[in-house]
C-alpha cells in the first residue's frame, strides 16, 4: 500500500470527486440506454449555431450554480 492506513481524503476533495462521479454516471446513462438515439442527437447538436449552444450552456451553468447554492448554501 502506498499510503499510510490512517490517511484520509479531505472532505472537499471527496465532495468534488463525488460530484464528478455523479456527472459521469448521469452523462453515461443515455449512451448506455439508447445509443442509437444519442448518435442522432449528437449529430443534431453539432449542427446547431454556436450562439445558441453558448446561451444554453450559460443558462445550464447558472442553473447548476443556483442549485448548488440552494442545497449547500
C-alpha atoms as a PDB file:
ATOM      1  CA  UNK A   1       0.000   0.000   0.000  1.00  0.00           C
ATOM      2  CA  UNK A   2       1.369   3.407  -0.973  1.00  0.00           C
ATOM      3  CA  UNK A   3      -0.487   5.457   1.642  1.00  0.00           C
ATOM      4  CA  UNK A   4      -0.451   5.101   5.411  1.00  0.00           C
ATOM      5  CA  UNK A   5      -3.542   3.336   6.849  1.00  0.00           C
ATOM      6  CA  UNK A   6      -4.739   6.455   8.693  1.00  0.00           C
ATOM      7  CA  UNK A   7      -4.609   8.669   5.555  1.00  0.00           C
ATOM      8  CA  UNK A   8      -7.944  10.175   4.536  1.00  0.00           C
ATOM      9  CA  UNK A   9      -9.083  12.169   1.523  1.00  0.00           C
ATOM     10  CA  UNK A  10     -10.017  15.718   2.609  1.00  0.00           C
ATOM     11  CA  UNK A  11     -13.778  16.253   2.627  1.00  0.00           C
ATOM     12  CA  UNK A  12     -13.641  18.936  -0.077  1.00  0.00           C
ATOM     13  CA  UNK A  13     -11.769  16.601  -2.418  1.00  0.00           C
ATOM     14  CA  UNK A  14     -14.181  13.826  -1.510  1.00  0.00           C
ATOM     15  CA  UNK A  15     -17.169  16.069  -2.354  1.00  0.00           C
ATOM     16  CA  UNK A  16     -15.567  17.136  -5.631  1.00  0.00           C
ATOM     17  CA  UNK A  17     -14.792  13.571  -6.702  1.00  0.00           C
ATOM     18  CA  UNK A  18     -18.322  12.515  -5.737  1.00  0.00           C
ATOM     19  CA  UNK A  19     -19.760  15.303  -7.898  1.00  0.00           C
ATOM     20  CA  UNK A  20     -17.537  14.332 -10.846  1.00  0.00           C
ATOM     21  CA  UNK A  21     -18.559  10.700 -10.464  1.00  0.00           C
ATOM     22  CA  UNK A  22     -22.255  11.591 -10.401  1.00  0.00           C
ATOM     23  CA  UNK A  23     -21.861  13.735 -13.526  1.00  0.00           C
ATOM     24  CA  UNK A  24     -20.142  10.826 -15.284  1.00  0.00           C
ATOM     25  CA  UNK A  25     -22.973   8.481 -14.302  1.00  0.00           C
ATOM     26  CA  UNK A  26     -25.675  10.895 -15.461  1.00  0.00           C
ATOM     27  CA  UNK A  27     -23.843  11.655 -18.717  1.00  0.00           C
ATOM     28  CA  UNK A  28     -23.328   7.958 -19.426  1.00  0.00           C
ATOM     29  CA  UNK A  29     -26.900   6.756 -18.866  1.00  0.00           C
ATOM     30  CA  UNK A  30     -28.301   7.880 -22.252  1.00  0.00           C
ATOM     31  CA  UNK A  31     -25.325   6.444 -24.151  1.00  0.00           C
ATOM     32  CA  UNK A  32     -25.863   3.108 -22.415  1.00  0.00           C
ATOM     33  CA  UNK A  33     -29.666   3.066 -22.602  1.00  0.00           C
ATOM     34  CA  UNK A  34     -30.328   4.493 -26.086  1.00  0.00           C
ATOM     35  CA  UNK A  35     -27.066   4.640 -28.068  1.00  0.00           C
ATOM     36  CA  UNK A  36     -28.779   4.897 -31.475  1.00  0.00           C
ATOM     37  CA  UNK A  37     -30.850   7.938 -30.453  1.00  0.00           C
ATOM     38  CA  UNK A  38     -27.824   9.548 -28.780  1.00  0.00           C
ATOM     39  CA  UNK A  39     -25.849   9.223 -32.013  1.00  0.00           C
ATOM     40  CA  UNK A  40     -28.566  11.123 -33.873  1.00  0.00           C
ATOM     41  CA  UNK A  41     -28.834  13.698 -31.090  1.00  0.00           C
ATOM     42  CA  UNK A  42     -25.085  14.375 -31.172  1.00  0.00           C
ATOM     43  CA  UNK A  43     -25.252  14.929 -34.942  1.00  0.00           C
ATOM     44  CA  UNK A  44     -28.175  17.320 -34.442  1.00  0.00           C
ATOM     45  CA  UNK A  45     -26.355  19.237 -31.687  1.00  0.00           C
ATOM     46  CA  UNK A  46     -23.288  19.587 -33.938  1.00  0.00           C
ATOM     47  CA  UNK A  47     -25.477  21.393 -36.480  1.00  0.00           C
ATOM     48  CA  UNK A  48     -26.805  23.988 -34.002  1.00  0.00           C
ATOM     49  CA  UNK A  49     -25.345  27.517 -34.182  1.00  0.00           C
ATOM     50  CA  UNK A  50     -22.629  28.481 -31.706  1.00  0.00           C
ATOM     51  CA  UNK A  51     -24.560  31.378 -30.089  1.00  0.00           C
ATOM     52  CA  UNK A  52     -27.437  29.039 -29.225  1.00  0.00           C
ATOM     53  CA  UNK A  53     -25.056  26.499 -27.674  1.00  0.00           C
ATOM     54  CA  UNK A  54     -23.307  29.250 -25.685  1.00  0.00           C
ATOM     55  CA  UNK A  55     -26.589  30.646 -24.327  1.00  0.00           C
ATOM     56  CA  UNK A  56     -27.800  27.152 -23.433  1.00  0.00           C
ATOM     57  CA  UNK A  57     -24.505  26.292 -21.738  1.00  0.00           C
ATOM     58  CA  UNK A  58     -24.508  29.563 -19.790  1.00  0.00           C
ATOM     59  CA  UNK A  59     -28.099  29.012 -18.683  1.00  0.00           C
ATOM     60  CA  UNK A  60     -27.306  25.470 -17.511  1.00  0.00           C
ATOM     61  CA  UNK A  61     -24.215  26.659 -15.615  1.00  0.00           C
ATOM     62  CA  UNK A  62     -26.273  29.349 -13.861  1.00  0.00           C
ATOM     63  CA  UNK A  63     -28.992  26.853 -13.046  1.00  0.00           C
ATOM     64  CA  UNK A  64     -26.415  24.440 -11.645  1.00  0.00           C
ATOM     65  CA  UNK A  65     -24.793  27.180  -9.578  1.00  0.00           C
ATOM     66  CA  UNK A  66     -28.196  28.169  -8.184  1.00  0.00           C
ATOM     67  CA  UNK A  67     -28.961  24.556  -7.329  1.00  0.00           C
ATOM     68  CA  UNK A  68     -25.635  24.110  -5.528  1.00  0.00           C
ATOM     69  CA  UNK A  69     -26.152  27.406  -3.692  1.00  0.00           C
ATOM     70  CA  UNK A  70     -29.640  26.415  -2.533  1.00  0.00           C
ATOM     71  CA  UNK A  71     -28.615  22.924  -1.451  1.00  0.00           C
ATOM     72  CA  UNK A  72     -25.208  23.656   0.075  1.00  0.00           C
ATOM     73  CA  UNK A  73     -25.594  27.341   0.971  1.00  0.00           C
END
